[in-house]
C-alpha atoms as a PDB file:
ATOM      1  CA  MET A   1     -10.945 -16.443  -5.232  1.00  0.00           C
ATOM      2  CA  ARG A   2      -8.171 -16.102  -7.721  1.00  0.00           C
ATOM      3  CA  LEU A   3     -10.327 -13.100  -9.363  1.00  0.00           C
ATOM      4  CA  ALA A   4     -10.257 -11.520  -5.579  1.00  0.00           C
ATOM      5  CA  VAL A   5      -6.389 -11.895  -5.553  1.00  0.00           C
ATOM      6  CA  ALA A   6      -6.115 -10.260  -8.654  1.00  0.00           C
ATOM      7  CA  ARG A   7      -7.987  -7.237  -7.351  1.00  0.00           C
ATOM      8  CA  SER A   8      -6.098  -7.108  -4.292  1.00  0.00           C
ATOM      9  CA  GLU A   9      -2.828  -6.949  -6.202  1.00  0.00           C
ATOM     10  CA  ALA A  10      -4.298  -4.223  -7.977  1.00  0.00           C
ATOM     11  CA  VAL A  11      -4.444  -2.053  -4.953  1.00  0.00           C
ATOM     12  CA  ARG A  12      -1.374  -3.408  -2.928  1.00  0.00           C
ATOM     13  CA  GLY A  13       0.975  -0.561  -1.886  1.00  0.00           C
ATOM     14  CA  THR A  14      -2.218   1.772  -1.197  1.00  0.00           C
ATOM     15  CA  THR A  15      -3.892   0.524   1.735  1.00  0.00           C
ATOM     16  CA  SER A  16      -1.050   0.416   4.444  1.00  0.00           C
ATOM     17  CA  PRO A  17      -1.219  -0.169   7.120  1.00  0.00           C
ATOM     18  CA  ASN A  18      -4.539  -1.760   6.274  1.00  0.00           C
ATOM     19  CA  PRO A  19      -4.437  -5.137   4.167  1.00  0.00           C
ATOM     20  CA  PRO A  20      -4.919  -5.267   0.277  1.00  0.00           C
ATOM     21  CA  VAL A  21      -8.125  -7.422   0.422  1.00  0.00           C
ATOM     22  CA  GLY A  22     -10.204  -8.444  -2.460  1.00  0.00           C
ATOM     23  CA  CYS A  23     -13.689  -9.707  -2.889  1.00  0.00           C
ATOM     24  CA  VAL A  24     -16.158 -11.193  -5.158  1.00  0.00           C
ATOM     25  CA  ILE A  25     -19.871 -11.108  -4.832  1.00  0.00           C
ATOM     26  CA  LEU A  26     -21.911 -14.087  -6.590  1.00  0.00           C
ATOM     27  CA  ASP A  27     -25.548 -14.361  -7.286  1.00  0.00           C
ATOM     28  CA  ARG A  28     -27.695 -17.577  -6.444  1.00  0.00           C
ATOM     29  CA  ASP A  29     -26.614 -18.893  -9.912  1.00  0.00           C
ATOM     30  CA  GLY A  30     -22.979 -18.523  -9.128  1.00  0.00           C
ATOM     31  CA  ASP A  31     -22.212 -15.643 -11.607  1.00  0.00           C
ATOM     32  CA  VAL A  32     -20.055 -12.492 -10.647  1.00  0.00           C
ATOM     33  CA  VAL A  33     -22.035  -9.647 -10.035  1.00  0.00           C
ATOM     34  CA  GLY A  34     -19.548  -7.505  -7.906  1.00  0.00           C
ATOM     35  CA  VAL A  35     -15.801  -6.980  -7.467  1.00  0.00           C
ATOM     36  CA  GLY A  36     -14.210  -4.597  -4.941  1.00  0.00           C
ATOM     37  CA  ALA A  37     -10.860  -4.186  -3.212  1.00  0.00           C
ATOM     38  CA  THR A  38      -9.424  -2.334  -0.300  1.00  0.00           C
ATOM     39  CA  GLN A  39      -9.416   1.647  -0.640  1.00  0.00           C
ATOM     40  CA  PRO A  40      -7.038   3.849   1.051  1.00  0.00           C
ATOM     41  CA  PRO A  41      -7.100   4.433   4.739  1.00  0.00           C
ATOM     42  CA  GLY A  42     -10.193   5.823   5.731  1.00  0.00           C
ATOM     43  CA  GLY A  43     -12.328   4.230   2.656  1.00  0.00           C
ATOM     44  CA  SER A  44     -14.248   1.360   2.432  1.00  0.00           C
ATOM     45  CA  HIS A  45     -13.051  -2.171   2.497  1.00  0.00           C
ATOM     46  CA  ALA A  46     -13.319  -4.902  -0.274  1.00  0.00           C
ATOM     47  CA  GLU A  47     -16.337  -6.386   0.910  1.00  0.00           C
ATOM     48  CA  VAL A  48     -18.262  -3.086   1.087  1.00  0.00           C
ATOM     49  CA  MET A  49     -16.890  -2.112  -2.409  1.00  0.00           C
ATOM     50  CA  ALA A  50     -17.979  -5.281  -3.779  1.00  0.00           C
ATOM     51  CA  LEU A  51     -21.507  -5.502  -2.188  1.00  0.00           C
ATOM     52  CA  ALA A  52     -22.148  -2.125  -3.539  1.00  0.00           C
ATOM     53  CA  GLU A  53     -21.719  -3.160  -7.148  1.00  0.00           C
ATOM     54  CA  ALA A  54     -23.665  -6.297  -6.376  1.00  0.00           C
ATOM     55  CA  GLY A  55     -26.724  -4.616  -4.742  1.00  0.00           C
ATOM     56  CA  VAL A  56     -29.738  -6.943  -4.225  1.00  0.00           C
ATOM     57  CA  LYS A  57     -28.271  -9.702  -6.274  1.00  0.00           C
ATOM     58  CA  ALA A  58     -25.685 -10.573  -3.560  1.00  0.00           C
ATOM     59  CA  HIS A  59     -25.605 -14.196  -2.251  1.00  0.00           C
ATOM     60  CA  THR A  60     -22.314 -15.431  -1.804  1.00  0.00           C
ATOM     61  CA  ALA A  61     -19.096 -13.201  -0.931  1.00  0.00           C
ATOM     62  CA  ILE A  62     -15.593 -14.770  -1.491  1.00  0.00           C
ATOM     63  CA  VAL A  63     -12.848 -12.774   0.096  1.00  0.00           C
ATOM     64  CA  THR A  64      -9.173 -13.164   0.340  1.00  0.00           C
ATOM     65  CA  LEU A  65      -9.098 -12.410   4.238  1.00  0.00           C
ATOM     66  CA  GLU A  66     -11.447 -13.005   7.026  1.00  0.00           C
ATOM     67  CA  PRO A  67     -14.037 -10.349   7.127  1.00  0.00           C
ATOM     68  CA  CYS A  68     -13.386  -7.867   9.943  1.00  0.00           C
ATOM     69  CA  ALA A  69     -15.582  -7.623  13.109  1.00  0.00           C
ATOM     70  CA  HIS A  70     -14.472  -4.541  14.540  1.00  0.00           C
ATOM     71  CA  HIS A  71     -15.269  -0.795  14.675  1.00  0.00           C
ATOM     72  CA  GLY A  72     -12.050   0.913  13.264  1.00  0.00           C
ATOM     73  CA  ARG A  73     -12.015   3.925  10.870  1.00  0.00           C
ATOM     74  CA  THR A  74     -14.969   2.152   9.334  1.00  0.00           C
ATOM     75  CA  PRO A  75     -17.907  -0.009  10.607  1.00  0.00           C
ATOM     76  CA  PRO A  76     -17.348  -3.740  10.576  1.00  0.00           C
ATOM     77  CA  CYS A  77     -17.602  -6.000   7.427  1.00  0.00           C
ATOM     78  CA  THR A  78     -19.623  -8.293   9.119  1.00  0.00           C
ATOM     79  CA  GLU A  79     -22.197  -5.894   9.588  1.00  0.00           C
ATOM     80  CA  ALA A  80     -22.400  -4.941   5.703  1.00  0.00           C
ATOM     81  CA  ILE A  81     -22.321  -8.465   4.712  1.00  0.00           C
ATOM     82  CA  LYS A  82     -25.315  -9.338   7.094  1.00  0.00           C
ATOM     83  CA  ALA A  83     -27.310  -6.248   5.828  1.00  0.00           C
ATOM     84  CA  ALA A  84     -26.583  -7.181   2.293  1.00  0.00           C
ATOM     85  CA  GLY A  85     -28.719 -10.463   2.838  1.00  0.00           C
ATOM     86  CA  VAL A  86     -25.569 -12.456   1.846  1.00  0.00           C
ATOM     87  CA  GLN A  87     -26.168 -16.180   2.568  1.00  0.00           C
ATOM     88  CA  ARG A  88     -22.604 -17.649   2.177  1.00  0.00           C
ATOM     89  CA  VAL A  89     -19.234 -16.481   2.944  1.00  0.00           C
ATOM     90  CA  ILE A  90     -15.957 -18.171   1.759  1.00  0.00           C
ATOM     91  CA  PHE A  91     -12.665 -16.819   2.905  1.00  0.00           C
ATOM     92  CA  ALA A  92      -8.985 -17.784   2.274  1.00  0.00           C
ATOM     93  CA  VAL A  93      -6.932 -16.435   5.091  1.00  0.00           C
ATOM     94  CA  SER A  94      -8.072 -16.015   8.788  1.00  0.00           C
ATOM     95  CA  ASP A  95      -7.425 -12.524  10.288  1.00  0.00           C
ATOM     96  CA  PRO A  96      -4.519 -12.758  12.624  1.00  0.00           C
ATOM     97  CA  ASN A  97      -5.244  -9.522  14.010  1.00  0.00           C
ATOM     98  CA  PRO A  98      -6.895 -10.159  17.614  1.00  0.00           C
ATOM     99  CA  ASP A  99      -8.822  -6.792  17.316  1.00  0.00           C
ATOM    100  CA  ALA A 100     -10.337  -7.629  13.979  1.00  0.00           C
ATOM    101  CA  ALA A 101     -10.625 -11.323  14.144  1.00  0.00           C
ATOM    102  CA  GLY A 102     -13.609 -13.631  14.674  1.00  0.00           C
ATOM    103  CA  GLY A 103     -15.568 -12.149  11.928  1.00  0.00           C
ATOM    104  CA  GLY A 104     -16.228 -15.852  10.594  1.00  0.00           C
ATOM    105  CA  LYS A 105     -17.654 -16.770  13.922  1.00  0.00           C
ATOM    106  CA  VAL A 106     -19.972 -13.573  14.097  1.00  0.00           C
ATOM    107  CA  LEU A 107     -21.424 -14.465  10.758  1.00  0.00           C
ATOM    108  CA  GLU A 108     -21.999 -17.974  11.524  1.00  0.00           C
ATOM    109  CA  GLN A 109     -23.852 -16.980  14.724  1.00  0.00           C
ATOM    110  CA  ALA A 110     -25.949 -14.831  12.419  1.00  0.00           C
ATOM    111  CA  GLY A 111     -26.936 -17.985  10.556  1.00  0.00           C
ATOM    112  CA  LEU A 112     -24.820 -17.275   7.352  1.00  0.00           C
ATOM    113  CA  THR A 113     -22.787 -20.564   5.932  1.00  0.00           C
ATOM    114  CA  VAL A 114     -19.007 -19.860   6.422  1.00  0.00           C
ATOM    115  CA  GLU A 115     -16.321 -21.704   4.682  1.00  0.00           C
ATOM    116  CA  SER A 116     -12.561 -20.938   5.203  1.00  0.00           C
ATOM    117  CA  GLY A 117      -9.025 -22.053   3.919  1.00  0.00           C
ATOM    118  CA  LEU A 118      -9.883 -21.819   0.110  1.00  0.00           C
ATOM    119  CA  LEU A 119      -6.287 -21.374  -1.408  1.00  0.00           C
ATOM    120  CA  GLU A 120      -4.988 -20.392   1.721  1.00  0.00           C
ATOM    121  CA  ALA A 121      -1.633 -21.009   1.046  1.00  0.00           C
ATOM    122  CA  GLU A 122      -1.615 -19.586  -2.402  1.00  0.00           C
ATOM    123  CA  VAL A 123      -3.392 -16.487  -1.042  1.00  0.00           C
ATOM    124  CA  ALA A 124      -1.101 -15.878   2.035  1.00  0.00           C
ATOM    125  CA  ARG A 125       2.036 -15.737  -0.421  1.00  0.00           C
ATOM    126  CA  GLY A 126       0.314 -13.516  -2.448  1.00  0.00           C
ATOM    127  CA  PRO A 127      -0.677  -9.630  -1.930  1.00  0.00           C
ATOM    128  CA  LEU A 128      -1.449 -10.153   1.668  1.00  0.00           C
ATOM    129  CA  ARG A 129       2.080 -11.607   2.383  1.00  0.00           C
ATOM    130  CA  ALA A 130       3.697  -8.545   3.744  1.00  0.00           C
ATOM    131  CA  TRP A 131       0.725  -7.664   5.744  1.00  0.00           C
ATOM    132  CA  LEU A 132      -0.086 -10.985   7.507  1.00  0.00           C
ATOM    133  CA  HIS A 133       3.714 -10.698   8.483  1.00  0.00           C
ATOM    134  CA  TYR A 134       3.172  -7.191   9.855  1.00  0.00           C
ATOM    135  CA  ALA A 135       0.147  -8.312  11.809  1.00  0.00           C
ATOM    136  CA  ARG A 136       1.760 -11.304  13.391  1.00  0.00           C
ATOM    137  CA  THR A 137       5.004  -9.738  14.347  1.00  0.00           C
ATOM    138  CA  GLY A 138       4.585  -5.715  14.545  1.00  0.00           C
ATOM    139  CA  ARG A 139       7.184  -5.123  12.015  1.00  0.00           C
ATOM    140  CA  PRO A 140       7.458  -4.498   8.315  1.00  0.00           C
ATOM    141  CA  HIS A 141       7.945  -7.366   5.877  1.00  0.00           C
ATOM    142  CA  VAL A 142      11.617  -7.064   4.291  1.00  0.00           C
ATOM    143  CA  THR A 143      12.420  -8.369   0.765  1.00  0.00           C
ATOM    144  CA  TRP A 144      15.838  -7.994   0.115  1.00  0.00           C
ATOM    145  CA  LYS A 145      16.400  -7.639  -3.919  1.00  0.00           C
ATOM    146  CA  TYR A 146      19.395  -7.883  -5.788  1.00  0.00           C
ATOM    147  CA  ALA A 147      20.829  -8.640  -8.990  1.00  0.00           C
ATOM    148  CA  ALA A 148      24.049 -10.372  -9.685  1.00  0.00           C
ATOM    149  CA  THR A 149      25.835 -12.575 -11.985  1.00  0.00           C
ATOM    150  CA  LEU A 150      25.970 -16.269 -12.089  1.00  0.00           C
ATOM    151  CA  ASP A 151      29.471 -16.158 -10.099  1.00  0.00           C
ATOM    152  CA  GLY A 152      27.477 -13.612  -7.403  1.00  0.00           C
ATOM    153  CA  ARG A 153      29.147 -10.326  -8.387  1.00  0.00           C
ATOM    154  CA  VAL A 154      26.888  -7.205  -8.687  1.00  0.00           C
ATOM    155  CA  ALA A 155      29.356  -5.048 -10.237  1.00  0.00           C
ATOM    156  CA  ALA A 156      32.719  -5.482 -12.112  1.00  0.00           C
ATOM    157  CA  ALA A 157      35.981  -5.014 -10.346  1.00  0.00           C
ATOM    158  CA  ASP A 158      36.033  -1.207 -11.760  1.00  0.00           C
ATOM    159  CA  GLY A 159      32.546  -0.836  -9.997  1.00  0.00           C
ATOM    160  CA  THR A 160      30.310  -0.444 -13.366  1.00  0.00           C
ATOM    161  CA  ALA A 161      27.254  -2.311 -12.548  1.00  0.00           C
ATOM    162  CA  ARG A 162      25.167  -1.230 -15.739  1.00  0.00           C
ATOM    163  CA  TRP A 163      23.324  -3.203 -16.585  1.00  0.00           C
ATOM    164  CA  ILE A 164      23.853  -6.785 -14.954  1.00  0.00           C
ATOM    165  CA  SER A 165      20.124  -7.455 -14.918  1.00  0.00           C
ATOM    166  CA  SER A 166      18.174  -7.275 -18.303  1.00  0.00           C
ATOM    167  CA  ALA A 167      15.620  -4.717 -19.353  1.00  0.00           C
ATOM    168  CA  GLU A 168      12.729  -7.347 -18.447  1.00  0.00           C
ATOM    169  CA  SER A 169      14.081  -7.514 -14.923  1.00  0.00           C
ATOM    170  CA  ARG A 170      14.518  -4.012 -14.259  1.00  0.00           C
ATOM    171  CA  ALA A 171      10.941  -3.171 -15.600  1.00  0.00           C
ATOM    172  CA  GLU A 172       9.576  -6.033 -13.246  1.00  0.00           C
ATOM    173  CA  VAL A 173      11.537  -4.368 -10.547  1.00  0.00           C
ATOM    174  CA  HIS A 174       9.797  -0.883 -11.465  1.00  0.00           C
ATOM    175  CA  ASP A 175       6.597  -2.440 -11.321  1.00  0.00           C
ATOM    176  CA  LEU A 176       6.995  -3.849  -7.939  1.00  0.00           C
ATOM    177  CA  ARG A 177       8.508  -0.703  -6.480  1.00  0.00           C
ATOM    178  CA  ARG A 178       5.000   0.826  -7.579  1.00  0.00           C
ATOM    179  CA  ARG A 179       3.433  -1.729  -5.007  1.00  0.00           C
ATOM    180  CA  ILE A 180       5.502  -1.672  -1.922  1.00  0.00           C
ATOM    181  CA  ASP A 181       5.376   0.817   1.054  1.00  0.00           C
ATOM    182  CA  ALA A 182       9.326   1.806   0.867  1.00  0.00           C
ATOM    183  CA  ILE A 183      12.450   1.285  -0.819  1.00  0.00           C
ATOM    184  CA  MET A 184      15.700   1.179   1.509  1.00  0.00           C
ATOM    185  CA  VAL A 185      19.296   1.757   0.940  1.00  0.00           C
ATOM    186  CA  GLY A 186      22.292   2.345   3.070  1.00  0.00           C
ATOM    187  CA  ARG A 187      24.057   6.067   3.046  1.00  0.00           C
ATOM    188  CA  GLY A 188      26.851   4.410   1.527  1.00  0.00           C
ATOM    189  CA  THR A 189      24.974   3.549  -1.674  1.00  0.00           C
ATOM    190  CA  VAL A 190      23.501   7.071  -1.985  1.00  0.00           C
ATOM    191  CA  LEU A 191      27.164   8.289  -1.676  1.00  0.00           C
ATOM    192  CA  ALA A 192      28.504   5.868  -4.333  1.00  0.00           C
ATOM    193  CA  ASP A 193      25.703   5.581  -6.713  1.00  0.00           C
ATOM    194  CA  ASP A 194      23.290   8.483  -6.244  1.00  0.00           C
ATOM    195  CA  PRO A 195      20.241   6.275  -7.019  1.00  0.00           C
ATOM    196  CA  ALA A 196      16.865   7.876  -7.606  1.00  0.00           C
ATOM    197  CA  LEU A 197      14.908   5.129  -5.786  1.00  0.00           C
ATOM    198  CA  THR A 198      11.821   5.901  -7.799  1.00  0.00           C
ATOM    199  CA  ALA A 199       9.543   3.876  -9.823  1.00  0.00           C
ATOM    200  CA  ARG A 200       9.587   4.504 -13.450  1.00  0.00           C
ATOM    201  CA  GLU A 201       7.361   3.700 -16.548  1.00  0.00           C
ATOM    202  CA  ALA A 202       8.413   1.791 -19.548  1.00  0.00           C
ATOM    203  CA  ASP A 203       9.268   5.366 -21.193  1.00  0.00           C
ATOM    204  CA  GLY A 204      11.423   6.567 -18.638  1.00  0.00           C
ATOM    205  CA  THR A 205       8.869   8.826 -17.000  1.00  0.00           C
ATOM    206  CA  THR A 206       8.320   8.852 -13.089  1.00  0.00           C
ATOM    207  CA  SER A 207       5.150   6.576 -12.100  1.00  0.00           C
ATOM    208  CA  ALA A 208       2.260   8.478 -10.404  1.00  0.00           C
ATOM    209  CA  ARG A 209       2.511   6.585  -7.219  1.00  0.00           C
ATOM    210  CA  GLN A 210       5.849   6.392  -5.511  1.00  0.00           C
ATOM    211  CA  PRO A 211       7.253   4.364  -2.455  1.00  0.00           C
ATOM    212  CA  LEU A 212       8.731   6.242   0.513  1.00  0.00           C
ATOM    213  CA  ARG A 213      12.631   6.169  -0.034  1.00  0.00           C
ATOM    214  CA  VAL A 214      14.602   5.330   3.302  1.00  0.00           C
ATOM    215  CA  VAL A 215      18.245   6.145   3.594  1.00  0.00           C
ATOM    216  CA  VAL A 216      19.868   4.255   6.480  1.00  0.00           C
ATOM    217  CA  GLY A 217      23.061   5.138   8.131  1.00  0.00           C
ATOM    218  CA  ARG A 218      24.659   8.273   9.900  1.00  0.00           C
ATOM    219  CA  GLY A 219      25.974  11.695   8.282  1.00  0.00           C
ATOM    220  CA  ASP A 220      24.546  13.944   6.230  1.00  0.00           C
ATOM    221  CA  LEU A 221      23.317  13.316   2.557  1.00  0.00           C
ATOM    222  CA  PRO A 222      24.937  15.313  -0.235  1.00  0.00           C
ATOM    223  CA  ALA A 223      22.750  18.176  -1.007  1.00  0.00           C
ATOM    224  CA  HIS A 224      22.621  17.438  -4.759  1.00  0.00           C
ATOM    225  CA  ALA A 225      21.555  13.782  -3.871  1.00  0.00           C
ATOM    226  CA  LYS A 226      18.750  12.607  -6.090  1.00  0.00           C
ATOM    227  CA  VAL A 227      16.983  11.257  -3.179  1.00  0.00           C
ATOM    228  CA  ARG A 228      16.390  14.719  -2.058  1.00  0.00           C
ATOM    229  CA  ASP A 229      14.495  15.919  -4.872  1.00  0.00           C
ATOM    230  CA  ASP A 230      10.702  16.198  -4.759  1.00  0.00           C
ATOM    231  CA  SER A 231      10.219  13.102  -6.898  1.00  0.00           C
ATOM    232  CA  ALA A 232       9.367  11.194  -3.753  1.00  0.00           C
ATOM    233  CA  GLU A 233       9.276  11.233   0.168  1.00  0.00           C
ATOM    234  CA  THR A 234      12.519  10.553   1.421  1.00  0.00           C
ATOM    235  CA  LEU A 235      13.086   9.284   5.287  1.00  0.00           C
ATOM    236  CA  HIS A 236      16.858   9.524   6.507  1.00  0.00           C
ATOM    237  CA  LEU A 237      17.322   7.312   9.661  1.00  0.00           C
ATOM    238  CA  ARG A 238      20.788   8.064  11.418  1.00  0.00           C
ATOM    239  CA  THR A 239      20.945   4.584  12.949  1.00  0.00           C
ATOM    240  CA  ASN A 240      22.731   1.520  11.514  1.00  0.00           C
ATOM    241  CA  ASP A 241      20.768  -0.862  13.773  1.00  0.00           C
ATOM    242  CA  PRO A 242      17.954  -2.922  11.519  1.00  0.00           C
ATOM    243  CA  ALA A 243      15.889  -3.440  14.326  1.00  0.00           C
ATOM    244  CA  GLU A 244      15.719   0.259  15.136  1.00  0.00           C
ATOM    245  CA  VAL A 245      14.972   1.041  11.402  1.00  0.00           C
ATOM    246  CA  LEU A 246      11.958  -1.207  11.362  1.00  0.00           C
ATOM    247  CA  ALA A 247      10.611  -0.028  14.519  1.00  0.00           C
ATOM    248  CA  ALA A 248      10.826   3.555  12.906  1.00  0.00           C
ATOM    249  CA  LEU A 249       8.960   2.320   9.745  1.00  0.00           C
ATOM    250  CA  ALA A 250       6.038   0.491  11.878  1.00  0.00           C
ATOM    251  CA  GLU A 251       5.551   3.614  13.557  1.00  0.00           C
ATOM    252  CA  ARG A 252       4.799   5.131  10.187  1.00  0.00           C
ATOM    253  CA  GLY A 253       2.430   2.228   9.185  1.00  0.00           C
ATOM    254  CA  VAL A 254       5.003   1.171   6.761  1.00  0.00           C
ATOM    255  CA  VAL A 255       3.899  -2.813   5.857  1.00  0.00           C
ATOM    256  CA  ASP A 256       6.207  -3.696   2.737  1.00  0.00           C
ATOM    257  CA  VAL A 257       9.859  -2.820   2.457  1.00  0.00           C
ATOM    258  CA  LEU A 258      12.076  -3.363  -0.480  1.00  0.00           C
ATOM    259  CA  LEU A 259      16.000  -3.659   0.644  1.00  0.00           C
ATOM    260  CA  GLU A 260      18.024  -2.450  -2.216  1.00  0.00           C
ATOM    261  CA  GLY A 261      20.820  -1.248  -0.418  1.00  0.00           C
ATOM    262  CA  GLY A 262      24.390  -2.476  -1.075  1.00  0.00           C
ATOM    263  CA  PRO A 263      26.141  -5.610   0.449  1.00  0.00           C
ATOM    264  CA  THR A 264      27.060  -4.082   3.874  1.00  0.00           C
ATOM    265  CA  LEU A 265      23.073  -2.970   4.779  1.00  0.00           C
ATOM    266  CA  ALA A 266      21.805  -6.533   3.377  1.00  0.00           C
ATOM    267  CA  GLY A 267      24.600  -8.192   5.510  1.00  0.00           C
ATOM    268  CA  ALA A 268      23.475  -6.697   8.585  1.00  0.00           C
ATOM    269  CA  PHE A 269      19.730  -7.182   7.983  1.00  0.00           C
ATOM    270  CA  ALA A 270      20.785 -10.760   7.534  1.00  0.00           C
ATOM    271  CA  GLU A 271      23.071 -10.869  10.599  1.00  0.00           C
ATOM    272  CA  ALA A 272      19.719  -9.584  12.512  1.00  0.00           C
ATOM    273  CA  ARG A 273      17.742 -12.292  10.927  1.00  0.00           C
ATOM    274  CA  LEU A 274      15.145  -9.431   9.664  1.00  0.00           C
ATOM    275  CA  ILE A 275      15.299 -10.597   6.087  1.00  0.00           C
ATOM    276  CA  ASP A 276      11.869 -11.985   5.375  1.00  0.00           C
ATOM    277  CA  ARG A 277      12.164 -12.790   1.717  1.00  0.00           C
ATOM    278  CA  VAL A 278      15.162 -12.857  -0.752  1.00  0.00           C
ATOM    279  CA  LEU A 279      14.358 -12.032  -4.342  1.00  0.00           C
ATOM    280  CA  ALA A 280      17.330 -12.557  -6.821  1.00  0.00           C
ATOM    281  CA  TYR A 281      17.834 -11.702 -10.308  1.00  0.00           C
ATOM    282  CA  ILE A 282      20.708 -13.912 -11.554  1.00  0.00           C
ATOM    283  CA  ALA A 283      21.962 -12.725 -15.077  1.00  0.00           C
ATOM    284  CA  PRO A 284      23.631 -15.367 -17.473  1.00  0.00           C
ATOM    285  CA  THR A 285      26.988 -13.686 -17.017  1.00  0.00           C
ATOM    286  CA  LEU A 286      30.240 -14.350 -15.370  1.00  0.00           C
ATOM    287  CA  LEU A 287      32.796 -11.638 -13.987  1.00  0.00           C
ATOM    288  CA  GLY A 288      35.259 -13.360 -11.751  1.00  0.00           C
ATOM    289  CA  ASP A 289      35.980 -10.467  -9.690  1.00  0.00           C
ATOM    290  CA  GLY A 290      34.236  -7.538  -8.303  1.00  0.00           C
ATOM    291  CA  PRO A 291      31.924  -6.908  -5.133  1.00  0.00           C
ATOM    292  CA  VAL A 292      29.582  -9.599  -3.957  1.00  0.00           C
ATOM    293  CA  ALA A 293      25.794  -9.518  -3.142  1.00  0.00           C
ATOM    294  CA  LEU A 294      25.939 -10.080   0.357  1.00  0.00           C
ATOM    295  CA  GLY A 295      28.542  -8.400   2.935  1.00  0.00           C
ATOM    296  CA  ALA A 296      29.452  -9.921   6.242  1.00  0.00           C
ATOM    297  CA  SER A 297      26.068 -11.362   8.042  1.00  0.00           C
ATOM    298  CA  GLY A 298      27.687 -13.078  11.069  1.00  0.00           C
ATOM    299  CA  VAL A 299      28.511 -16.410   9.632  1.00  0.00           C
ATOM    300  CA  SER A 300      32.020 -18.116  10.372  1.00  0.00           C
ATOM    301  CA  THR A 301      30.992 -21.556   9.569  1.00  0.00           C
ATOM    302  CA  ILE A 302      28.701 -23.563   7.479  1.00  0.00           C
ATOM    303  CA  THR A 303      26.522 -24.657  10.615  1.00  0.00           C
ATOM    304  CA  GLY A 304      25.899 -20.925  11.126  1.00  0.00           C
ATOM    305  CA  ALA A 305      24.606 -20.374   7.515  1.00  0.00           C
ATOM    306  CA  HIS A 306      21.397 -18.355   6.908  1.00  0.00           C
ATOM    307  CA  ARG A 307      19.224 -21.169   5.341  1.00  0.00           C
ATOM    308  CA  PHE A 308      16.481 -20.451   2.977  1.00  0.00           C
ATOM    309  CA  ALA A 309      13.795 -22.545   1.037  1.00  0.00           C
ATOM    310  CA  VAL A 310      13.230 -21.712  -2.524  1.00  0.00           C
ATOM    311  CA  GLU A 311       9.351 -21.278  -3.440  1.00  0.00           C
ATOM    312  CA  GLY A 312       9.735 -19.915  -6.919  1.00  0.00           C
ATOM    313  CA  VAL A 313      12.062 -19.987 -10.080  1.00  0.00           C
ATOM    314  CA  THR A 314      11.144 -18.361 -13.074  1.00  0.00           C
ATOM    315  CA  MET A 315      12.760 -16.794 -16.111  1.00  0.00           C
ATOM    316  CA  CYS A 316      12.342 -13.108 -16.423  1.00  0.00           C
ATOM    317  CA  GLY A 317      13.733 -12.307 -20.057  1.00  0.00           C
ATOM    318  CA  PRO A 318      17.320 -13.951 -20.015  1.00  0.00           C
ATOM    319  CA  ASP A 319      17.575 -13.716 -16.354  1.00  0.00           C
ATOM    320  CA  VAL A 320      16.465 -16.482 -13.672  1.00  0.00           C
ATOM    321  CA  ARG A 321      14.385 -15.075 -10.960  1.00  0.00           C
ATOM    322  CA  VAL A 322      14.541 -16.740  -7.510  1.00  0.00           C
ATOM    323  CA  SER A 323      12.195 -16.104  -4.547  1.00  0.00           C
ATOM    324  CA  ALA A 324      13.215 -17.704  -1.254  1.00  0.00           C
ATOM    325  CA  VAL A 325      11.920 -17.308   2.347  1.00  0.00           C
ATOM    326  CA  PRO A 326      13.752 -18.362   5.545  1.00  0.00           C
ATOM    327  CA  VAL A 327      13.630 -21.918   7.066  1.00  0.00           C
ATOM    328  CA  THR A 328      11.765 -21.908  10.026  1.00  0.00           C
ATOM    329  CA  ASP A 329      12.426 -24.693  12.713  1.00  0.00           C
END
């Protein structure tokens, strides 16, 4: 299953609005004979790719997501599994999409042994995280990413911010950018910092795959702004309403959004309760003054605080990376 997860991670960002699924096929002796992942929209699903590699040796299919049972752009994966002579199917997460769900039951009724829930929590927090959220809510998953000092400053008092985070953290963020659908900032950030919002390789060159650049806010963008170059596609949404922003992105099939804007945009999304994950890079530095990471977010008393649960704390070079998700009642 972890091999299937690794394969799905490799295609994350290329499959939306379809899920990045991974599949491993075993023969009767339990040896790996096929590995596959979801192809870009219109292409084969993970199970079909893995089965093609396995051929007549296919016996057990291990899949990160329940095989689909509906006709979309491609035939149901359940049909491919049955046609290949697979005897056993193990999947991690049940499909929450009502149009595609039920594949496990279809396979059981066909006489296959079906098991579900293997590493379910781990898989759901992995490459499928954003898509599962999208399937359940109908809106893109939003990760607010920021870098700050130990005292929560994102820049010095004079506005300088290069570099608060380490080279290791910056490299990791560029790798993350390559794997998401869209990067979002506010118009104010474009005016103040003129960011390129591109994913770059270690040598500074532009990565082959680029996410959609999204700028939020009324008013025009400068003609010379880097986000208006041809490095990547840019979408300017002339609204300040987070819900309207996500609705517009959902219509474009955007599943996974990285919110990199300044404190004002982050505060607006926090106030709207539309931040689904916080990814913070905390540098071992003190400034004592300067702008903070989060602007006004509708909180006036401690009882109204936005509560998050920490799901992971790791080192990234000299920085501490914290991943946290909202606390649900």
